[in-house]
Each structure stands twice: as structure tokens, then as C-alpha cells.
């Protein structure tokens, strides 16, 4: 079983509860996406970097990600 998440993807996201909002969005839109989130993100930040297993996952996420997460 390969558990290497060697591809990073940084995207704009602002406001609070970034991790929960992203998890909820992925569950509803890309439920089979395999990713890793940072342990925490400060409210003040305007971007977040996640880790992905493949370039295909990055492409899928890039195509599906809205301009702003709800």
C-alpha cells in the first residue's frame, strides 16, 4: 500500500474552519480523493497547502475546486 503524498497543491481559502470546510467540500464533490491536510491553519492565512498522491489527483481537484469554498 503506497501512502506517499508527494504532490503539494496550494489554493486560496480565507476565513475560519478551513480544514472542516475543505473536508466537507471534498466529501460532497470528490469523495474518492486521497489527500492529507496540514494539522492546523491560522484564521489569518489566505491560502492552504494540501498533499496529494498523484498529478491526476491534482488535476481532478483543480478542475473541481470552486473559486471560493462555502
PDB file of N, CA and C in Angstrom:
ATOM      1  N   UNK A   1       0.840  -1.184   0.000  1.00  0.00           N
ATOM      2  CA  UNK A   1       0.000   0.000   0.000  1.00  0.00           C
ATOM      3  C   UNK A   1       0.888   1.252   0.000  1.00  0.00           C
ATOM      4  N   UNK A   2       0.727   2.091  -0.995  1.00  0.00           N
ATOM      5  CA  UNK A   2       1.536   3.295  -1.125  1.00  0.00           C
ATOM      6  C   UNK A   2       0.862   4.441  -0.373  1.00  0.00           C
ATOM      7  N   UNK A   3       1.554   5.014   0.586  1.00  0.00           N
ATOM      8  CA  UNK A   3       0.977   6.114   1.366  1.00  0.00           C
ATOM      9  C   UNK A   3       1.780   7.400   1.209  1.00  0.00           C
ATOM     10  N   UNK A   4       2.468   7.534   0.095  1.00  0.00           N
ATOM     11  CA  UNK A   4       3.279   8.722  -0.144  1.00  0.00           C
ATOM     12  C   UNK A   4       2.436   9.817  -0.775  1.00  0.00           C
ATOM     13  N   UNK A   5       2.434  10.954  -0.149  1.00  0.00           N
ATOM     14  CA  UNK A   5       1.725  12.119  -0.667  1.00  0.00           C
ATOM     15  C   UNK A   5       2.782  13.126  -1.107  1.00  0.00           C
ATOM     16  N   UNK A   6       3.303  12.930  -2.316  1.00  0.00           N
ATOM     17  CA  UNK A   6       4.456  13.716  -2.730  1.00  0.00           C
ATOM     18  C   UNK A   6       4.119  14.956  -3.543  1.00  0.00           C
ATOM     19  N   UNK A   7       2.863  15.217  -3.818  1.00  0.00           N
ATOM     20  CA  UNK A   7       2.473  16.383  -4.601  1.00  0.00           C
ATOM     21  C   UNK A   7       1.745  17.393  -3.725  1.00  0.00           C
ATOM     22  N   UNK A   8       2.216  18.619  -3.748  1.00  0.00           N
ATOM     23  CA  UNK A   8       1.564  19.687  -2.999  1.00  0.00           C
ATOM     24  C   UNK A   8       0.623  20.483  -3.891  1.00  0.00           C
ATOM     25  N   UNK A   9      -0.414  21.004  -3.295  1.00  0.00           N
ATOM     26  CA  UNK A   9      -1.363  21.845  -4.019  1.00  0.00           C
ATOM     27  C   UNK A   9      -1.756  22.982  -3.084  1.00  0.00           C
ATOM     28  N   UNK A  10      -1.434  24.209  -3.464  1.00  0.00           N
ATOM     29  CA  UNK A  10      -1.755  25.382  -2.661  1.00  0.00           C
ATOM     30  C   UNK A  10      -2.866  26.150  -3.349  1.00  0.00           C
ATOM     31  N   UNK A  11      -3.875  26.527  -2.582  1.00  0.00           N
ATOM     32  CA  UNK A  11      -5.003  27.256  -3.143  1.00  0.00           C
ATOM     33  C   UNK A  11      -5.488  28.306  -2.158  1.00  0.00           C
ATOM     34  N   UNK A  12      -6.191  29.284  -2.685  1.00  0.00           N
ATOM     35  CA  UNK A  12      -6.713  30.375  -1.865  1.00  0.00           C
ATOM     36  C   UNK A  12      -7.924  29.889  -1.078  1.00  0.00           C
ATOM     37  N   UNK A  13      -7.915  30.207   0.200  1.00  0.00           N
ATOM     38  CA  UNK A  13      -9.053  29.919   1.073  1.00  0.00           C
ATOM     39  C   UNK A  13      -8.935  30.876   2.252  1.00  0.00           C
ATOM     40  N   UNK A  14      -9.998  31.559   2.561  1.00  0.00           N
ATOM     41  CA  UNK A  14      -9.953  32.524   3.663  1.00  0.00           C
ATOM     42  C   UNK A  14     -11.052  32.220   4.665  1.00  0.00           C
ATOM     43  N   UNK A  15     -10.936  32.848   5.822  1.00  0.00           N
ATOM     44  CA  UNK A  15     -11.941  32.658   6.868  1.00  0.00           C
ATOM     45  C   UNK A  15     -11.560  31.552   7.817  1.00  0.00           C
ATOM     46  N   UNK A  16     -12.478  31.265   8.712  1.00  0.00           N
ATOM     47  CA  UNK A  16     -12.243  30.248   9.728  1.00  0.00           C
ATOM     48  C   UNK A  16     -12.675  28.869   9.273  1.00  0.00           C
ATOM     49  N   UNK A  17     -12.340  27.881  10.063  1.00  0.00           N
ATOM     50  CA  UNK A  17     -12.722  26.487   9.835  1.00  0.00           C
ATOM     51  C   UNK A  17     -12.307  25.968   8.462  1.00  0.00           C
ATOM     52  N   UNK A  18     -11.125  26.343   8.003  1.00  0.00           N
ATOM     53  CA  UNK A  18     -10.655  25.940   6.680  1.00  0.00           C
ATOM     54  C   UNK A  18     -10.617  24.421   6.517  1.00  0.00           C
ATOM     55  N   UNK A  19     -10.073  23.726   7.504  1.00  0.00           N
ATOM     56  CA  UNK A  19      -9.933  22.278   7.400  1.00  0.00           C
ATOM     57  C   UNK A  19     -11.293  21.595   7.326  1.00  0.00           C
ATOM     58  N   UNK A  20     -12.208  21.981   8.185  1.00  0.00           N
ATOM     59  CA  UNK A  20     -13.552  21.398   8.173  1.00  0.00           C
ATOM     60  C   UNK A  20     -14.291  21.728   6.888  1.00  0.00           C
ATOM     61  N   UNK A  21     -14.175  22.959   6.427  1.00  0.00           N
ATOM     62  CA  UNK A  21     -14.844  23.352   5.180  1.00  0.00           C
ATOM     63  C   UNK A  21     -14.308  22.568   4.005  1.00  0.00           C
ATOM     64  N   UNK A  22     -12.984  22.391   3.941  1.00  0.00           N
ATOM     65  CA  UNK A  22     -12.395  21.631   2.840  1.00  0.00           C
ATOM     66  C   UNK A  22     -12.816  20.169   2.917  1.00  0.00           C
ATOM     67  N   UNK A  23     -12.750  19.572   4.094  1.00  0.00           N
ATOM     68  CA  UNK A  23     -13.174  18.174   4.255  1.00  0.00           C
ATOM     69  C   UNK A  23     -14.621  17.976   3.807  1.00  0.00           C
ATOM     70  N   UNK A  24     -15.498  18.879   4.184  1.00  0.00           N
ATOM     71  CA  UNK A  24     -16.912  18.780   3.797  1.00  0.00           C
ATOM     72  C   UNK A  24     -17.079  18.900   2.292  1.00  0.00           C
ATOM     73  N   UNK A  25     -16.355  19.845   1.690  1.00  0.00           N
ATOM     74  CA  UNK A  25     -16.463  20.033   0.245  1.00  0.00           C
ATOM     75  C   UNK A  25     -15.955  18.801  -0.502  1.00  0.00           C
ATOM     76  N   UNK A  26     -14.815  18.244  -0.083  1.00  0.00           N
ATOM     77  CA  UNK A  26     -14.272  17.059  -0.743  1.00  0.00           C
ATOM     78  C   UNK A  26     -15.230  15.880  -0.592  1.00  0.00           C
ATOM     79  N   UNK A  27     -15.793  15.692   0.580  1.00  0.00           N
ATOM     80  CA  UNK A  27     -16.721  14.583   0.793  1.00  0.00           C
ATOM     81  C   UNK A  27     -17.920  14.673  -0.144  1.00  0.00           C
ATOM     82  N   UNK A  28     -18.372  15.886  -0.428  1.00  0.00           N
ATOM     83  CA  UNK A  28     -19.532  16.073  -1.295  1.00  0.00           C
ATOM     84  C   UNK A  28     -19.181  16.048  -2.779  1.00  0.00           C
ATOM     85  N   UNK A  29     -17.955  16.436  -3.144  1.00  0.00           N
ATOM     86  CA  UNK A  29     -17.612  16.616  -4.556  1.00  0.00           C
ATOM     87  C   UNK A  29     -16.588  15.636  -5.123  1.00  0.00           C
ATOM     88  N   UNK A  30     -15.654  15.211  -4.318  1.00  0.00           N
ATOM     89  CA  UNK A  30     -14.615  14.264  -4.753  1.00  0.00           C
ATOM     90  C   UNK A  30     -14.386  13.228  -3.652  1.00  0.00           C
ATOM     91  N   UNK A  31     -15.402  12.421  -3.353  1.00  0.00           N
ATOM     92  CA  UNK A  31     -15.306  11.531  -2.188  1.00  0.00           C
ATOM     93  C   UNK A  31     -14.174  10.505  -2.248  1.00  0.00           C
ATOM     94  N   UNK A  32     -13.669  10.197  -3.439  1.00  0.00           N
ATOM     95  CA  UNK A  32     -12.594   9.210  -3.548  1.00  0.00           C
ATOM     96  C   UNK A  32     -11.202   9.843  -3.609  1.00  0.00           C
ATOM     97  N   UNK A  33     -11.106  11.147  -3.428  1.00  0.00           N
ATOM     98  CA  UNK A  33      -9.811  11.834  -3.441  1.00  0.00           C
ATOM     99  C   UNK A  33      -9.023  11.473  -2.186  1.00  0.00           C
ATOM    100  N   UNK A  34      -7.780  11.065  -2.382  1.00  0.00           N
ATOM    101  CA  UNK A  34      -6.902  10.709  -1.265  1.00  0.00           C
ATOM    102  C   UNK A  34      -5.944  11.872  -1.032  1.00  0.00           C
ATOM    103  N   UNK A  35      -6.021  12.506   0.135  1.00  0.00           N
ATOM    104  CA  UNK A  35      -5.249  13.714   0.413  1.00  0.00           C
ATOM    105  C   UNK A  35      -4.883  13.784   1.890  1.00  0.00           C
ATOM    106  N   UNK A  36      -3.980  14.682   2.200  1.00  0.00           N
ATOM    107  CA  UNK A  36      -3.590  14.962   3.586  1.00  0.00           C
ATOM    108  C   UNK A  36      -3.617  16.466   3.788  1.00  0.00           C
ATOM    109  N   UNK A  37      -4.197  16.870   4.899  1.00  0.00           N
ATOM    110  CA  UNK A  37      -4.283  18.282   5.260  1.00  0.00           C
ATOM    111  C   UNK A  37      -3.195  18.631   6.266  1.00  0.00           C
ATOM    112  N   UNK A  38      -2.875  19.915   6.369  1.00  0.00           N
ATOM    113  CA  UNK A  38      -1.952  20.325   7.439  1.00  0.00           C
ATOM    114  C   UNK A  38      -2.647  20.128   8.791  1.00  0.00           C
ATOM    115  N   UNK A  39      -1.891  20.014   9.871  1.00  0.00           N
ATOM    116  CA  UNK A  39      -2.501  19.804  11.183  1.00  0.00           C
ATOM    117  C   UNK A  39      -3.407  20.957  11.611  1.00  0.00           C
ATOM    118  N   UNK A  40      -3.080  22.171  11.178  1.00  0.00           N
ATOM    119  CA  UNK A  40      -3.906  23.341  11.502  1.00  0.00           C
ATOM    120  C   UNK A  40      -3.564  24.471  10.550  1.00  0.00           C
ATOM    121  N   UNK A  41      -4.470  25.449  10.447  1.00  0.00           N
ATOM    122  CA  UNK A  41      -4.222  26.645   9.640  1.00  0.00           C
ATOM    123  C   UNK A  41      -4.736  27.845  10.413  1.00  0.00           C
ATOM    124  N   UNK A  42      -3.935  28.871  10.568  1.00  0.00           N
ATOM    125  CA  UNK A  42      -4.382  30.075  11.276  1.00  0.00           C
ATOM    126  C   UNK A  42      -5.513  30.771  10.511  1.00  0.00           C
ATOM    127  N   UNK A  43      -6.406  31.394  11.240  1.00  0.00           N
ATOM    128  CA  UNK A  43      -7.521  32.121  10.635  1.00  0.00           C
ATOM    129  C   UNK A  43      -7.013  33.210   9.705  1.00  0.00           C
ATOM    130  N   UNK A  44      -5.884  33.825  10.033  1.00  0.00           N
ATOM    131  CA  UNK A  44      -5.368  34.959   9.271  1.00  0.00           C
ATOM    132  C   UNK A  44      -4.842  34.581   7.890  1.00  0.00           C
ATOM    133  N   UNK A  45      -4.502  33.321   7.669  1.00  0.00           N
ATOM    134  CA  UNK A  45      -3.932  32.938   6.379  1.00  0.00           C
ATOM    135  C   UNK A  45      -4.989  32.977   5.284  1.00  0.00           C
ATOM    136  N   UNK A  46      -4.534  33.210   4.068  1.00  0.00           N
ATOM    137  CA  UNK A  46      -5.445  33.277   2.920  1.00  0.00           C
ATOM    138  C   UNK A  46      -5.180  32.144   1.935  1.00  0.00           C
ATOM    139  N   UNK A  47      -4.363  31.171   2.329  1.00  0.00           N
ATOM    140  CA  UNK A  47      -4.060  30.034   1.462  1.00  0.00           C
ATOM    141  C   UNK A  47      -3.816  28.797   2.316  1.00  0.00           C
ATOM    142  N   UNK A  48      -3.945  27.641   1.677  1.00  0.00           N
ATOM    143  CA  UNK A  48      -3.705  26.379   2.373  1.00  0.00           C
ATOM    144  C   UNK A  48      -3.059  25.420   1.380  1.00  0.00           C
ATOM    145  N   UNK A  49      -2.103  24.642   1.864  1.00  0.00           N
ATOM    146  CA  UNK A  49      -1.447  23.641   1.032  1.00  0.00           C
ATOM    147  C   UNK A  49      -1.849  22.263   1.530  1.00  0.00           C
ATOM    148  N   UNK A  50      -2.306  21.436   0.597  1.00  0.00           N
ATOM    149  CA  UNK A  50      -2.623  20.053   0.926  1.00  0.00           C
ATOM    150  C   UNK A  50      -1.667  19.155   0.163  1.00  0.00           C
ATOM    151  N   UNK A  51      -1.593  17.902   0.556  1.00  0.00           N
ATOM    152  CA  UNK A  51      -0.726  16.926  -0.099  1.00  0.00           C
ATOM    153  C   UNK A  51      -1.599  15.912  -0.827  1.00  0.00           C
ATOM    154  N   UNK A  52      -1.157  15.547  -2.040  1.00  0.00           N
ATOM    155  CA  UNK A  52      -1.881  14.603  -2.881  1.00  0.00           C
ATOM    156  C   UNK A  52      -0.946  13.489  -3.333  1.00  0.00           C
ATOM    157  N   UNK A  53      -1.514  12.342  -3.685  1.00  0.00           N
ATOM    158  CA  UNK A  53      -0.702  11.198  -4.105  1.00  0.00           C
ATOM    159  C   UNK A  53      -0.244  11.276  -5.546  1.00  0.00           C
ATOM    160  N   UNK A  54      -1.026  11.913  -6.423  1.00  0.00           N
ATOM    161  CA  UNK A  54      -0.673  11.868  -7.838  1.00  0.00           C
ATOM    162  C   UNK A  54      -0.994  13.187  -8.543  1.00  0.00           C
ATOM    163  N   UNK A  55      -0.389  13.348  -9.703  1.00  0.00           N
ATOM    164  CA  UNK A  55      -0.702  14.516 -10.528  1.00  0.00           C
ATOM    165  C   UNK A  55      -2.144  14.445 -11.038  1.00  0.00           C
ATOM    166  N   UNK A  56      -2.659  13.242 -11.228  1.00  0.00           N
ATOM    167  CA  UNK A  56      -4.050  13.076 -11.649  1.00  0.00           C
ATOM    168  C   UNK A  56      -4.995  13.607 -10.573  1.00  0.00           C
ATOM    169  N   UNK A  57      -4.680  13.339  -9.299  1.00  0.00           N
ATOM    170  CA  UNK A  57      -5.495  13.868  -8.200  1.00  0.00           C
ATOM    171  C   UNK A  57      -5.448  15.389  -8.199  1.00  0.00           C
ATOM    172  N   UNK A  58      -4.280  15.939  -8.463  1.00  0.00           N
ATOM    173  CA  UNK A  58      -4.137  17.403  -8.509  1.00  0.00           C
ATOM    174  C   UNK A  58      -4.993  17.991  -9.632  1.00  0.00           C
ATOM    175  N   UNK A  59      -4.974  17.358 -10.788  1.00  0.00           N
ATOM    176  CA  UNK A  59      -5.769  17.823 -11.919  1.00  0.00           C
ATOM    177  C   UNK A  59      -7.261  17.743 -11.604  1.00  0.00           C
ATOM    178  N   UNK A  60      -7.694  16.640 -11.036  1.00  0.00           N
ATOM    179  CA  UNK A  60      -9.113  16.489 -10.655  1.00  0.00           C
ATOM    180  C   UNK A  60      -9.534  17.573  -9.676  1.00  0.00           C
ATOM    181  N   UNK A  61      -8.700  17.827  -8.679  1.00  0.00           N
ATOM    182  CA  UNK A  61      -9.013  18.841  -7.682  1.00  0.00           C
ATOM    183  C   UNK A  61      -9.055  20.226  -8.317  1.00  0.00           C
ATOM    184  N   UNK A  62      -8.079  20.517  -9.146  1.00  0.00           N
ATOM    185  CA  UNK A  62      -8.017  21.819  -9.806  1.00  0.00           C
ATOM    186  C   UNK A  62      -9.255  22.069 -10.661  1.00  0.00           C
ATOM    187  N   UNK A  63      -9.719  21.059 -11.361  1.00  0.00           N
ATOM    188  CA  UNK A  63     -10.901  21.200 -12.220  1.00  0.00           C
ATOM    189  C   UNK A  63     -12.182  21.348 -11.411  1.00  0.00           C
ATOM    190  N   UNK A  64     -12.267  20.723 -10.257  1.00  0.00           N
ATOM    191  CA  UNK A  64     -13.495  20.724  -9.473  1.00  0.00           C
ATOM    192  C   UNK A  64     -13.579  21.836  -8.437  1.00  0.00           C
ATOM    193  N   UNK A  65     -12.441  22.379  -8.023  1.00  0.00           N
ATOM    194  CA  UNK A  65     -12.412  23.367  -6.942  1.00  0.00           C
ATOM    195  C   UNK A  65     -13.083  24.663  -7.355  1.00  0.00           C
ATOM    196  N   UNK A  66     -14.064  25.124  -6.584  1.00  0.00           N
ATOM    197  CA  UNK A  66     -14.703  26.399  -6.910  1.00  0.00           C
ATOM    198  C   UNK A  66     -13.786  27.581  -6.582  1.00  0.00           C
ATOM    199  N   UNK A  67     -14.155  28.739  -7.071  1.00  0.00           N
ATOM    200  CA  UNK A  67     -13.353  29.951  -6.799  1.00  0.00           C
ATOM    201  C   UNK A  67     -13.253  30.213  -5.307  1.00  0.00           C
ATOM    202  N   UNK A  68     -14.302  29.903  -4.564  1.00  0.00           N
ATOM    203  CA  UNK A  68     -14.302  30.086  -3.112  1.00  0.00           C
ATOM    204  C   UNK A  68     -15.098  28.972  -2.457  1.00  0.00           C
ATOM    205  N   UNK A  69     -14.512  28.338  -1.450  1.00  0.00           N
ATOM    206  CA  UNK A  69     -15.217  27.264  -0.744  1.00  0.00           C
ATOM    207  C   UNK A  69     -16.318  27.850   0.111  1.00  0.00           C
ATOM    208  N   UNK A  70     -17.434  27.145   0.191  1.00  0.00           N
ATOM    209  CA  UNK A  70     -18.536  27.635   1.060  1.00  0.00           C
ATOM    210  C   UNK A  70     -18.171  27.569   2.525  1.00  0.00           C
TER     211      UNK A  70
END
